[in-house]
Amino acid sequence: MDASGGDDRERRDEISLLAEELVQLSVKGSMVVPSSKPTLICTVWTEKMYNTDSFRAHMKGIWKTRKKFEIQVAGQNLFLIIFETEDDLELILEGRPWIFRKSLILFDRLCQAVERDQIRLISSPFWIKIETCFPEIDKKDLLHAIGGTFGGVLRSEISEELCRLRINLDVQKPLRRGIFVVTDHVSKVWIPFKYENLPMFCFGCGRMGHGL
């Protein structure tokens, strides 16, 4: 009886192993591949969890593109946005920054396949208002100098009342409150920055992506 019981257990073990061998595992590749259509890759700069369906619904509600677009999940907190036309893609890039639940959405154009761990989405363009434009300082020179401290000027606007500067912000760094300016005609003067359409940021460390 004991021998027979042992044989039965061995047979059951063999059957169990065979069943496990028949399981088909689906392993996602590490490559993120763009569509043949104009494609953006994006992420939400946040530490909070969120529902991907809610993200899709939100973006489709606020983006006014001429044709439909598709949002595909490409990984954890990573999306592919596929457009029918290049004009619609450019419209979305031009409209940055875009916000989802008070958090910044970071974008980049995806033109070729890339390893998921090589994707670095860490910057976004913002407008800065500079209301203190002293008559002794040439406004164009001032904006160019300030933009240089951010890595360059994307665009600038100058009027009698204020100056506006579009620059790329590195979201890993604290927001800068302003800058001291010194010229031959002006001693050290503090010029504050007023950022437009800022997402949630921490008043303690000055970084975007979380609150205080």
N, C-alpha and C. Protein backbone atom coordinates (compact mmCIF):
# COMPACT_ATOMS: atom_id res chain seq x y z
N MET A 1 0.83 -1.21 0.00
CA MET A 1 0.00 0.00 0.00
C MET A 1 0.86 1.25 0.00
N ASP A 2 1.93 1.22 0.85
CA ASP A 2 2.79 2.39 0.91
C ASP A 2 3.48 2.64 -0.42
N ALA A 3 3.94 1.53 -1.05
CA ALA A 3 4.64 1.68 -2.33
C ALA A 3 3.70 2.24 -3.38
N SER A 4 2.46 1.73 -3.36
CA SER A 4 1.48 2.21 -4.32
C SER A 4 1.19 3.69 -4.12
N GLY A 5 1.07 4.11 -2.83
CA GLY A 5 0.83 5.53 -2.54
C GLY A 5 1.97 6.39 -3.02
N GLY A 6 3.21 5.88 -2.86
CA GLY A 6 4.37 6.65 -3.32
C GLY A 6 4.36 6.81 -4.82
N ASP A 7 4.00 5.74 -5.54
CA ASP A 7 3.93 5.82 -7.00
C ASP A 7 2.90 6.85 -7.45
N ASP A 8 1.75 6.88 -6.74
CA ASP A 8 0.70 7.84 -7.10
C ASP A 8 1.18 9.27 -6.93
N ARG A 9 1.91 9.53 -5.83
CA ARG A 9 2.42 10.89 -5.60
C ARG A 9 3.41 11.29 -6.68
N GLU A 10 4.28 10.34 -7.09
CA GLU A 10 5.24 10.64 -8.14
C GLU A 10 4.54 10.97 -9.46
N ARG A 11 3.47 10.20 -9.75
CA ARG A 11 2.73 10.47 -10.98
C ARG A 11 2.08 11.85 -10.94
N ARG A 12 1.52 12.20 -9.75
CA ARG A 12 0.89 13.53 -9.63
C ARG A 12 1.92 14.63 -9.80
N ASP A 13 3.14 14.42 -9.24
CA ASP A 13 4.20 15.41 -9.39
C ASP A 13 4.58 15.57 -10.86
N GLU A 14 4.66 14.45 -11.58
CA GLU A 14 5.00 14.50 -13.00
C GLU A 14 3.93 15.26 -13.78
N ILE A 15 2.66 14.98 -13.46
CA ILE A 15 1.57 15.67 -14.14
C ILE A 15 1.62 17.16 -13.85
N SER A 16 1.92 17.53 -12.58
CA SER A 16 2.00 18.93 -12.20
C SER A 16 3.11 19.65 -12.96
N LEU A 17 4.26 19.01 -13.07
CA LEU A 17 5.37 19.61 -13.79
C LEU A 17 5.03 19.81 -15.26
N LEU A 18 4.38 18.81 -15.84
CA LEU A 18 4.01 18.93 -17.24
C LEU A 18 3.02 20.08 -17.45
N ALA A 19 2.10 20.26 -16.50
CA ALA A 19 1.14 21.35 -16.61
C ALA A 19 1.84 22.70 -16.54
N GLU A 20 2.85 22.81 -15.67
CA GLU A 20 3.60 24.07 -15.56
C GLU A 20 4.39 24.35 -16.82
N GLU A 21 4.87 23.29 -17.46
CA GLU A 21 5.63 23.47 -18.68
C GLU A 21 4.76 23.99 -19.82
N LEU A 22 3.47 23.71 -19.73
CA LEU A 22 2.56 24.14 -20.79
C LEU A 22 2.12 25.59 -20.65
N VAL A 23 2.43 26.22 -19.51
CA VAL A 23 2.05 27.62 -19.31
C VAL A 23 2.83 28.50 -20.27
N GLN A 24 2.13 29.42 -20.94
CA GLN A 24 2.78 30.35 -21.87
C GLN A 24 2.95 31.70 -21.18
N LEU A 25 4.19 32.12 -21.03
CA LEU A 25 4.48 33.40 -20.40
C LEU A 25 4.54 34.49 -21.46
N SER A 26 3.94 35.63 -21.15
CA SER A 26 4.00 36.78 -22.03
C SER A 26 4.91 37.82 -21.39
N VAL A 27 6.07 38.05 -21.98
CA VAL A 27 7.05 38.99 -21.44
C VAL A 27 7.17 40.17 -22.40
N LYS A 28 6.87 41.37 -21.89
CA LYS A 28 6.95 42.56 -22.72
C LYS A 28 8.41 42.93 -22.97
N GLY A 29 8.70 43.30 -24.19
CA GLY A 29 10.06 43.71 -24.52
C GLY A 29 10.40 45.05 -23.89
N SER A 30 11.69 45.33 -23.81
CA SER A 30 12.15 46.56 -23.19
C SER A 30 12.20 47.72 -24.18
N MET A 31 11.92 47.46 -25.45
CA MET A 31 11.97 48.50 -26.46
C MET A 31 10.61 49.20 -26.56
N VAL A 32 10.65 50.53 -26.68
CA VAL A 32 9.45 51.31 -26.96
C VAL A 32 9.53 51.73 -28.43
N VAL A 33 8.56 51.30 -29.20
CA VAL A 33 8.61 51.48 -30.65
C VAL A 33 7.54 52.48 -31.08
N PRO A 34 7.91 53.50 -31.85
CA PRO A 34 6.93 54.49 -32.30
C PRO A 34 6.03 53.93 -33.39
N SER A 35 4.91 54.57 -33.57
CA SER A 35 4.02 54.23 -34.67
C SER A 35 4.59 54.79 -35.97
N SER A 36 4.05 54.36 -37.08
CA SER A 36 4.43 54.95 -38.37
C SER A 36 3.86 56.36 -38.51
N LYS A 37 2.91 56.70 -37.63
CA LYS A 37 2.31 58.03 -37.62
C LYS A 37 3.08 58.92 -36.63
N PRO A 38 2.87 60.24 -36.68
CA PRO A 38 3.54 61.14 -35.73
C PRO A 38 3.27 60.72 -34.29
N THR A 39 4.33 60.56 -33.50
CA THR A 39 4.21 59.98 -32.16
C THR A 39 4.95 60.80 -31.12
N LEU A 40 4.29 61.00 -29.98
CA LEU A 40 4.93 61.58 -28.80
C LEU A 40 5.01 60.53 -27.71
N ILE A 41 6.02 60.64 -26.87
CA ILE A 41 6.09 59.83 -25.66
C ILE A 41 5.97 60.78 -24.49
N CYS A 42 5.25 60.38 -23.45
CA CYS A 42 5.03 61.30 -22.34
C CYS A 42 4.93 60.57 -21.01
N THR A 43 5.11 61.33 -19.94
CA THR A 43 4.97 60.83 -18.58
C THR A 43 4.40 61.93 -17.72
N VAL A 44 3.78 61.56 -16.61
CA VAL A 44 3.27 62.54 -15.65
C VAL A 44 4.29 62.67 -14.52
N TRP A 45 4.77 63.89 -14.29
CA TRP A 45 5.81 64.12 -13.29
C TRP A 45 5.16 64.21 -11.91
N THR A 46 4.97 63.06 -11.29
CA THR A 46 4.30 63.00 -10.00
C THR A 46 4.73 61.77 -9.23
N GLU A 47 4.62 61.85 -7.92
CA GLU A 47 4.87 60.69 -7.06
C GLU A 47 3.58 59.96 -6.72
N LYS A 48 2.44 60.55 -7.10
CA LYS A 48 1.15 59.97 -6.77
C LYS A 48 0.72 58.94 -7.81
N MET A 49 -0.09 57.99 -7.36
CA MET A 49 -0.69 57.02 -8.27
C MET A 49 -1.92 57.64 -8.93
N TYR A 50 -2.20 57.22 -10.15
CA TYR A 50 -3.38 57.72 -10.85
C TYR A 50 -3.88 56.65 -11.81
N ASN A 51 -5.12 56.81 -12.23
CA ASN A 51 -5.76 55.86 -13.13
C ASN A 51 -5.45 56.23 -14.58
N THR A 52 -4.94 55.27 -15.34
CA THR A 52 -4.56 55.56 -16.73
C THR A 52 -5.77 55.93 -17.59
N ASP A 53 -6.92 55.31 -17.31
CA ASP A 53 -8.12 55.66 -18.07
C ASP A 53 -8.54 57.10 -17.79
N SER A 54 -8.34 57.54 -16.55
CA SER A 54 -8.64 58.92 -16.19
C SER A 54 -7.71 59.88 -16.94
N PHE A 55 -6.45 59.49 -17.07
CA PHE A 55 -5.49 60.31 -17.82
C PHE A 55 -5.93 60.43 -19.28
N ARG A 56 -6.29 59.30 -19.89
CA ARG A 56 -6.75 59.32 -21.28
C ARG A 56 -7.95 60.26 -21.45
N ALA A 57 -8.93 60.10 -20.57
CA ALA A 57 -10.15 60.90 -20.68
C ALA A 57 -9.86 62.39 -20.51
N HIS A 58 -8.96 62.70 -19.58
CA HIS A 58 -8.62 64.10 -19.32
C HIS A 58 -7.97 64.74 -20.55
N MET A 59 -7.00 64.06 -21.13
CA MET A 59 -6.28 64.63 -22.27
C MET A 59 -7.20 64.76 -23.49
N LYS A 60 -8.06 63.78 -23.70
CA LYS A 60 -8.97 63.86 -24.84
C LYS A 60 -10.01 64.95 -24.64
N GLY A 61 -10.22 65.34 -23.38
CA GLY A 61 -11.17 66.40 -23.10
C GLY A 61 -10.60 67.80 -23.29
N ILE A 62 -9.28 67.96 -23.11
CA ILE A 62 -8.69 69.31 -23.18
C ILE A 62 -7.95 69.58 -24.48
N TRP A 63 -7.54 68.54 -25.20
CA TRP A 63 -6.81 68.75 -26.45
C TRP A 63 -7.79 68.91 -27.60
N LYS A 64 -7.70 70.03 -28.28
CA LYS A 64 -8.59 70.33 -29.39
C LYS A 64 -7.84 70.14 -30.71
N THR A 65 -7.58 68.89 -31.05
CA THR A 65 -6.88 68.58 -32.30
C THR A 65 -7.88 68.50 -33.45
N ARG A 66 -7.37 68.65 -34.65
CA ARG A 66 -8.25 68.61 -35.83
C ARG A 66 -8.72 67.19 -36.10
N LYS A 67 -7.86 66.21 -35.81
CA LYS A 67 -8.23 64.82 -36.01
C LYS A 67 -8.02 64.04 -34.71
N LYS A 68 -8.53 62.84 -34.67
CA LYS A 68 -8.44 62.03 -33.46
C LYS A 68 -7.00 61.60 -33.20
N PHE A 69 -6.72 61.30 -31.95
CA PHE A 69 -5.42 60.76 -31.57
C PHE A 69 -5.63 59.59 -30.63
N GLU A 70 -4.62 58.76 -30.50
CA GLU A 70 -4.70 57.55 -29.68
C GLU A 70 -3.64 57.61 -28.58
N ILE A 71 -4.02 57.20 -27.37
CA ILE A 71 -3.08 57.14 -26.25
C ILE A 71 -2.89 55.69 -25.85
N GLN A 72 -1.65 55.21 -25.94
CA GLN A 72 -1.32 53.83 -25.60
C GLN A 72 -0.39 53.80 -24.39
N VAL A 73 -0.58 52.83 -23.51
CA VAL A 73 0.31 52.64 -22.37
C VAL A 73 1.59 51.96 -22.86
N ALA A 74 2.74 52.57 -22.56
CA ALA A 74 4.03 52.03 -23.00
C ALA A 74 4.87 51.52 -21.83
N GLY A 75 4.35 51.63 -20.62
CA GLY A 75 5.08 51.20 -19.44
C GLY A 75 4.50 51.87 -18.22
N GLN A 76 5.17 51.69 -17.08
CA GLN A 76 4.72 52.33 -15.85
C GLN A 76 4.86 53.85 -15.97
N ASN A 77 3.72 54.55 -15.91
CA ASN A 77 3.70 56.01 -16.04
C ASN A 77 4.37 56.48 -17.34
N LEU A 78 4.10 55.75 -18.41
CA LEU A 78 4.69 56.07 -19.71
C LEU A 78 3.65 55.81 -20.80
N PHE A 79 3.48 56.80 -21.69
CA PHE A 79 2.44 56.70 -22.71
C PHE A 79 2.99 57.07 -24.08
N LEU A 80 2.42 56.44 -25.10
CA LEU A 80 2.62 56.86 -26.48
C LEU A 80 1.35 57.58 -26.94
N ILE A 81 1.53 58.73 -27.57
CA ILE A 81 0.40 59.48 -28.11
C ILE A 81 0.58 59.54 -29.62
N ILE A 82 -0.34 58.94 -30.32
CA ILE A 82 -0.22 58.77 -31.77
C ILE A 82 -1.23 59.67 -32.47
N PHE A 83 -0.73 60.53 -33.35
CA PHE A 83 -1.56 61.51 -34.05
C PHE A 83 -1.73 61.11 -35.51
N GLU A 84 -2.78 61.63 -36.10
CA GLU A 84 -3.01 61.40 -37.52
C GLU A 84 -2.19 62.36 -38.38
N THR A 85 -1.91 63.55 -37.84
CA THR A 85 -1.19 64.55 -38.62
C THR A 85 -0.05 65.17 -37.81
N GLU A 86 0.95 65.63 -38.50
CA GLU A 86 2.07 66.32 -37.87
C GLU A 86 1.62 67.65 -37.26
N ASP A 87 0.65 68.30 -37.89
CA ASP A 87 0.15 69.58 -37.38
C ASP A 87 -0.45 69.43 -35.99
N ASP A 88 -1.18 68.34 -35.76
CA ASP A 88 -1.77 68.12 -34.44
C ASP A 88 -0.69 67.87 -33.39
N LEU A 89 0.34 67.12 -33.75
CA LEU A 89 1.45 66.89 -32.83
C LEU A 89 2.13 68.21 -32.46
N GLU A 90 2.39 69.04 -33.45
CA GLU A 90 3.03 70.33 -33.20
C GLU A 90 2.14 71.24 -32.35
N LEU A 91 0.83 71.14 -32.54
CA LEU A 91 -0.11 71.92 -31.75
C LEU A 91 0.01 71.60 -30.27
N ILE A 92 0.15 70.32 -29.96
CA ILE A 92 0.27 69.89 -28.56
C ILE A 92 1.61 70.33 -27.98
N LEU A 93 2.69 70.19 -28.73
CA LEU A 93 3.99 70.63 -28.24
C LEU A 93 4.02 72.14 -28.02
N GLU A 94 3.39 72.88 -28.91
CA GLU A 94 3.38 74.34 -28.80
C GLU A 94 2.56 74.79 -27.60
N GLY A 95 1.56 74.01 -27.21
CA GLY A 95 0.69 74.39 -26.10
C GLY A 95 1.24 74.09 -24.72
N ARG A 96 2.41 73.48 -24.65
CA ARG A 96 2.98 73.18 -23.34
C ARG A 96 3.24 74.43 -22.52
N PRO A 97 3.14 74.30 -21.17
CA PRO A 97 3.00 73.06 -20.40
C PRO A 97 1.55 72.60 -20.29
N TRP A 98 1.36 71.27 -20.26
CA TRP A 98 0.06 70.66 -20.03
C TRP A 98 0.07 70.04 -18.63
N ILE A 99 -1.09 70.12 -17.97
CA ILE A 99 -1.19 69.71 -16.57
C ILE A 99 -2.26 68.63 -16.43
N PHE A 100 -1.97 67.62 -15.62
CA PHE A 100 -2.95 66.59 -15.27
C PHE A 100 -3.00 66.48 -13.75
N ARG A 101 -4.15 66.81 -13.17
CA ARG A 101 -4.33 66.77 -11.72
C ARG A 101 -3.22 67.52 -10.99
N LYS A 102 -2.95 68.72 -11.45
CA LYS A 102 -1.96 69.63 -10.87
C LYS A 102 -0.52 69.18 -11.08
N SER A 103 -0.31 68.11 -11.85
CA SER A 103 1.04 67.62 -12.11
C SER A 103 1.41 67.86 -13.57
N LEU A 104 2.68 68.13 -13.79
CA LEU A 104 3.18 68.45 -15.13
C LEU A 104 3.30 67.19 -15.98
N ILE A 105 2.94 67.32 -17.26
CA ILE A 105 3.13 66.23 -18.22
C ILE A 105 4.36 66.57 -19.07
N LEU A 106 5.28 65.63 -19.15
CA LEU A 106 6.52 65.82 -19.91
C LEU A 106 6.43 65.05 -21.22
N PHE A 107 6.86 65.70 -22.30
CA PHE A 107 6.74 65.13 -23.63
C PHE A 107 8.09 65.10 -24.35
N ASP A 108 8.16 64.21 -25.32
CA ASP A 108 9.24 64.25 -26.30
C ASP A 108 8.75 63.55 -27.55
N ARG A 109 9.31 63.94 -28.66
CA ARG A 109 8.96 63.29 -29.92
C ARG A 109 9.67 61.93 -29.98
N LEU A 110 8.95 60.91 -30.43
CA LEU A 110 9.54 59.58 -30.56
C LEU A 110 9.62 59.23 -32.04
N CYS A 111 10.85 59.20 -32.55
CA CYS A 111 11.06 58.96 -33.98
C CYS A 111 11.62 57.58 -34.28
N GLN A 112 12.22 56.94 -33.27
CA GLN A 112 12.79 55.62 -33.48
C GLN A 112 12.68 54.81 -32.20
N ALA A 113 12.82 53.50 -32.33
CA ALA A 113 12.72 52.62 -31.17
C ALA A 113 13.81 52.95 -30.16
N VAL A 114 13.45 52.86 -28.88
CA VAL A 114 14.41 53.19 -27.83
C VAL A 114 14.18 52.25 -26.64
N GLU A 115 15.26 51.92 -25.95
CA GLU A 115 15.15 51.11 -24.74
C GLU A 115 14.39 51.91 -23.68
N ARG A 116 13.48 51.24 -22.99
CA ARG A 116 12.65 51.93 -22.01
C ARG A 116 13.49 52.61 -20.92
N ASP A 117 14.58 51.96 -20.50
CA ASP A 117 15.39 52.55 -19.43
C ASP A 117 16.29 53.68 -19.93
N GLN A 118 16.28 53.94 -21.24
CA GLN A 118 17.06 55.05 -21.79
C GLN A 118 16.21 56.31 -21.99
N ILE A 119 14.93 56.21 -21.74
CA ILE A 119 14.04 57.35 -21.92
C ILE A 119 14.20 58.32 -20.75
N ARG A 120 14.49 59.58 -21.05
CA ARG A 120 14.66 60.60 -20.01
C ARG A 120 13.79 61.80 -20.35
N LEU A 121 12.70 61.92 -19.63
CA LEU A 121 11.79 63.05 -19.80
C LEU A 121 11.93 63.92 -18.56
N ILE A 122 12.70 65.00 -18.68
CA ILE A 122 13.04 65.79 -17.49
C ILE A 122 12.89 67.30 -17.70
N SER A 123 12.36 67.74 -18.84
CA SER A 123 12.26 69.18 -19.05
C SER A 123 10.98 69.53 -19.79
N SER A 124 10.58 70.79 -19.62
CA SER A 124 9.39 71.30 -20.29
C SER A 124 9.53 72.80 -20.48
N PRO A 125 9.02 73.35 -21.58
CA PRO A 125 9.08 74.80 -21.77
C PRO A 125 8.05 75.52 -20.91
N PHE A 126 8.44 76.69 -20.42
CA PHE A 126 7.55 77.56 -19.64
C PHE A 126 7.78 79.00 -20.07
N TRP A 127 6.75 79.81 -19.87
CA TRP A 127 6.89 81.25 -20.03
C TRP A 127 7.19 81.87 -18.68
N ILE A 128 8.11 82.83 -18.67
CA ILE A 128 8.43 83.60 -17.47
C ILE A 128 8.12 85.07 -17.75
N LYS A 129 7.38 85.70 -16.85
CA LYS A 129 7.14 87.14 -16.94
C LYS A 129 8.20 87.88 -16.14
N ILE A 130 8.73 88.92 -16.75
CA ILE A 130 9.71 89.77 -16.07
C ILE A 130 9.17 91.19 -16.15
N GLU A 131 8.56 91.64 -15.07
CA GLU A 131 7.89 92.94 -15.08
C GLU A 131 8.85 94.09 -14.81
N THR A 132 9.97 93.80 -14.17
CA THR A 132 10.92 94.85 -13.83
C THR A 132 11.95 94.99 -14.94
N CYS A 133 11.64 95.80 -15.93
CA CYS A 133 12.58 96.07 -17.02
C CYS A 133 13.03 97.52 -16.90
N PHE A 134 14.18 97.73 -16.35
CA PHE A 134 14.67 99.08 -16.11
C PHE A 134 15.04 99.77 -17.42
N PRO A 135 14.77 101.06 -17.53
CA PRO A 135 15.10 101.78 -18.77
C PRO A 135 16.59 101.79 -19.07
N GLU A 136 17.42 101.63 -18.02
CA GLU A 136 18.86 101.64 -18.23
C GLU A 136 19.36 100.34 -18.86
N ILE A 137 18.52 99.32 -18.83
CA ILE A 137 18.92 98.01 -19.35
C ILE A 137 18.17 97.72 -20.64
N ASP A 138 18.90 97.37 -21.68
CA ASP A 138 18.26 96.98 -22.93
C ASP A 138 17.47 95.69 -22.71
N LYS A 139 16.19 95.72 -23.02
CA LYS A 139 15.31 94.59 -22.71
C LYS A 139 15.73 93.33 -23.46
N LYS A 140 16.09 93.49 -24.71
CA LYS A 140 16.49 92.33 -25.50
C LYS A 140 17.75 91.69 -24.93
N ASP A 141 18.71 92.53 -24.55
CA ASP A 141 19.94 92.01 -23.96
C ASP A 141 19.66 91.32 -22.63
N LEU A 142 18.74 91.91 -21.85
CA LEU A 142 18.39 91.33 -20.55
C LEU A 142 17.78 89.94 -20.72
N LEU A 143 16.82 89.81 -21.63
CA LEU A 143 16.17 88.52 -21.84
C LEU A 143 17.17 87.49 -22.36
N HIS A 144 18.05 87.91 -23.24
CA HIS A 144 19.05 86.99 -23.78
C HIS A 144 19.97 86.50 -22.66
N ALA A 145 20.36 87.42 -21.77
CA ALA A 145 21.26 87.05 -20.68
C ALA A 145 20.57 86.11 -19.69
N ILE A 146 19.32 86.42 -19.35
CA ILE A 146 18.58 85.56 -18.42
C ILE A 146 18.34 84.19 -19.05
N GLY A 147 17.94 84.18 -20.32
CA GLY A 147 17.69 82.91 -21.01
C GLY A 147 18.93 82.04 -21.06
N GLY A 148 20.10 82.67 -21.17
CA GLY A 148 21.34 81.92 -21.20
C GLY A 148 21.58 81.13 -19.93
N THR A 149 21.08 81.63 -18.80
CA THR A 149 21.25 80.90 -17.54
C THR A 149 20.35 79.67 -17.47
N PHE A 150 19.35 79.60 -18.36
CA PHE A 150 18.47 78.43 -18.44
C PHE A 150 18.87 77.49 -19.59
N GLY A 151 19.92 77.83 -20.29
CA GLY A 151 20.34 77.00 -21.41
C GLY A 151 19.96 77.54 -22.76
N GLY A 152 19.34 78.73 -22.80
CA GLY A 152 18.99 79.33 -24.08
C GLY A 152 17.56 79.85 -24.10
N VAL A 153 17.29 80.73 -25.06
CA VAL A 153 15.98 81.34 -25.22
C VAL A 153 15.22 80.61 -26.32
N LEU A 154 14.02 80.13 -26.00
CA LEU A 154 13.18 79.52 -27.03
C LEU A 154 12.41 80.59 -27.79
N ARG A 155 11.94 81.61 -27.06
CA ARG A 155 11.19 82.70 -27.66
C ARG A 155 11.12 83.84 -26.66
N SER A 156 10.95 85.05 -27.14
CA SER A 156 10.81 86.18 -26.23
C SER A 156 9.79 87.16 -26.78
N GLU A 157 9.15 87.89 -25.86
CA GLU A 157 8.19 88.92 -26.22
C GLU A 157 8.49 90.15 -25.38
N ILE A 158 8.50 91.31 -26.02
CA ILE A 158 8.84 92.55 -25.33
C ILE A 158 7.74 93.57 -25.57
N SER A 159 7.26 94.18 -24.48
CA SER A 159 6.28 95.25 -24.59
C SER A 159 6.67 96.35 -23.61
N GLU A 160 5.89 97.42 -23.58
CA GLU A 160 6.19 98.53 -22.68
C GLU A 160 6.03 98.12 -21.22
N GLU A 161 5.03 97.27 -20.95
CA GLU A 161 4.71 96.93 -19.57
C GLU A 161 5.59 95.82 -19.00
N LEU A 162 5.87 94.80 -19.81
CA LEU A 162 6.61 93.66 -19.28
C LEU A 162 7.34 92.92 -20.40
N CYS A 163 8.18 92.00 -19.98
CA CYS A 163 8.89 91.12 -20.91
C CYS A 163 8.49 89.69 -20.61
N ARG A 164 8.42 88.88 -21.64
CA ARG A 164 8.13 87.45 -21.46
C ARG A 164 9.23 86.64 -22.13
N LEU A 165 9.58 85.55 -21.47
CA LEU A 165 10.69 84.72 -21.93
C LEU A 165 10.25 83.27 -21.87
N ARG A 166 10.43 82.55 -22.97
CA ARG A 166 10.10 81.12 -22.99
C ARG A 166 11.40 80.32 -22.95
N ILE A 167 11.50 79.49 -21.92
CA ILE A 167 12.73 78.72 -21.70
C ILE A 167 12.36 77.28 -21.33
N ASN A 168 13.35 76.40 -21.36
CA ASN A 168 13.16 75.02 -20.91
C ASN A 168 13.56 74.91 -19.45
N LEU A 169 12.66 74.35 -18.64
CA LEU A 169 12.96 74.13 -17.23
C LEU A 169 13.29 72.66 -17.00
N ASP A 170 14.37 72.42 -16.28
CA ASP A 170 14.72 71.07 -15.83
C ASP A 170 13.89 70.79 -14.57
N VAL A 171 12.97 69.83 -14.65
CA VAL A 171 12.05 69.60 -13.54
C VAL A 171 12.73 68.94 -12.35
N GLN A 172 13.97 68.51 -12.51
CA GLN A 172 14.71 67.92 -11.40
C GLN A 172 15.30 68.98 -10.48
N LYS A 173 15.35 70.23 -10.97
CA LYS A 173 15.98 71.30 -10.22
C LYS A 173 14.93 72.19 -9.56
N PRO A 174 15.29 72.85 -8.46
CA PRO A 174 14.34 73.78 -7.82
C PRO A 174 14.03 74.96 -8.73
N LEU A 175 12.81 75.48 -8.61
CA LEU A 175 12.44 76.68 -9.35
C LEU A 175 13.24 77.87 -8.83
N ARG A 176 13.72 78.66 -9.74
CA ARG A 176 14.46 79.86 -9.36
C ARG A 176 13.50 81.02 -9.18
N ARG A 177 13.65 81.75 -8.09
CA ARG A 177 12.72 82.85 -7.78
C ARG A 177 13.05 84.12 -8.55
N GLY A 178 14.28 84.26 -9.02
CA GLY A 178 14.68 85.46 -9.73
C GLY A 178 16.18 85.46 -9.95
N ILE A 179 16.71 86.64 -10.27
CA ILE A 179 18.14 86.73 -10.55
C ILE A 179 18.63 88.14 -10.25
N PHE A 180 19.87 88.25 -9.78
CA PHE A 180 20.50 89.55 -9.60
C PHE A 180 21.15 89.98 -10.91
N VAL A 181 20.95 91.24 -11.28
CA VAL A 181 21.51 91.78 -12.52
C VAL A 181 22.41 92.97 -12.18
N VAL A 182 23.58 92.98 -12.80
CA VAL A 182 24.52 94.08 -12.62
C VAL A 182 24.97 94.55 -14.00
N THR A 183 24.93 95.87 -14.24
CA THR A 183 25.44 96.44 -15.49
C THR A 183 26.35 97.62 -15.17
N ASP A 184 26.86 98.25 -16.22
CA ASP A 184 27.72 99.42 -16.03
C ASP A 184 26.93 100.59 -15.45
N HIS A 185 25.61 100.60 -15.69
CA HIS A 185 24.79 101.73 -15.26
C HIS A 185 23.94 101.42 -14.03
N VAL A 186 23.80 100.14 -13.71
CA VAL A 186 22.92 99.75 -12.61
C VAL A 186 23.69 98.87 -11.63
N SER A 187 23.62 99.21 -10.35
CA SER A 187 24.21 98.34 -9.35
C SER A 187 23.35 97.09 -9.21
N LYS A 188 23.73 96.20 -8.35
CA LYS A 188 23.04 94.91 -8.24
C LYS A 188 21.55 95.10 -7.96
N VAL A 189 20.74 94.55 -8.87
CA VAL A 189 19.28 94.67 -8.78
C VAL A 189 18.67 93.28 -8.86
N TRP A 190 17.69 93.03 -7.99
CA TRP A 190 16.99 91.74 -7.99
C TRP A 190 15.80 91.81 -8.94
N ILE A 191 15.75 90.87 -9.89
CA ILE A 191 14.64 90.78 -10.83
C ILE A 191 13.89 89.48 -10.58
N PRO A 192 12.66 89.55 -10.07
CA PRO A 192 11.90 88.32 -9.77
C PRO A 192 11.32 87.69 -11.03
N PHE A 193 11.15 86.37 -10.98
CA PHE A 193 10.53 85.63 -12.07
C PHE A 193 9.09 85.29 -11.69
N LYS A 194 8.20 85.44 -12.65
CA LYS A 194 6.81 85.01 -12.48
C LYS A 194 6.51 83.96 -13.54
N TYR A 195 6.44 82.70 -13.12
CA TYR A 195 6.20 81.60 -14.04
C TYR A 195 4.71 81.51 -14.39
N GLU A 196 4.43 81.21 -15.63
CA GLU A 196 3.05 81.04 -16.06
C GLU A 196 2.68 79.55 -16.08
N ASN A 197 1.46 79.26 -15.62
CA ASN A 197 0.90 77.89 -15.68
C ASN A 197 1.77 76.86 -14.97
N LEU A 198 2.23 77.20 -13.79
CA LEU A 198 3.03 76.25 -13.03
C LEU A 198 2.14 75.12 -12.49
N PRO A 199 2.65 73.89 -12.48
CA PRO A 199 1.93 72.80 -11.83
C PRO A 199 2.18 72.85 -10.33
N MET A 200 1.74 71.82 -9.63
CA MET A 200 2.01 71.71 -8.20
C MET A 200 3.52 71.65 -7.96
N PHE A 201 3.98 72.38 -6.96
CA PHE A 201 5.39 72.29 -6.59
C PHE A 201 5.52 72.46 -5.08
N CYS A 202 6.66 72.10 -4.57
CA CYS A 202 6.90 72.12 -3.13
C CYS A 202 7.47 73.48 -2.71
N PHE A 203 6.81 74.14 -1.76
CA PHE A 203 7.31 75.43 -1.28
C PHE A 203 8.55 75.24 -0.40
N GLY A 204 8.79 74.00 0.03
CA GLY A 204 9.96 73.74 0.85
C GLY A 204 11.23 73.62 0.03
N CYS A 205 11.20 72.72 -0.98
CA CYS A 205 12.41 72.48 -1.78
C CYS A 205 12.36 73.19 -3.13
N GLY A 206 11.18 73.69 -3.53
CA GLY A 206 11.06 74.41 -4.79
C GLY A 206 10.96 73.53 -6.01
N ARG A 207 10.80 72.23 -5.83
CA ARG A 207 10.75 71.32 -6.98
C ARG A 207 9.31 70.96 -7.34
N MET A 208 9.10 70.73 -8.63
CA MET A 208 7.80 70.29 -9.11
C MET A 208 7.64 68.78 -8.89
N GLY A 209 6.39 68.35 -8.84
CA GLY A 209 6.12 66.92 -8.73
C GLY A 209 5.52 66.50 -7.41
N HIS A 210 5.61 67.37 -6.40
CA HIS A 210 5.00 67.07 -5.11
C HIS A 210 4.76 68.37 -4.36
N GLY A 211 3.89 68.30 -3.36
CA GLY A 211 3.61 69.46 -2.54
C GLY A 211 4.46 69.45 -1.28
N LEU A 212 4.27 70.48 -0.47
CA LEU A 212 5.04 70.59 0.77
C LEU A 212 4.61 69.52 1.75
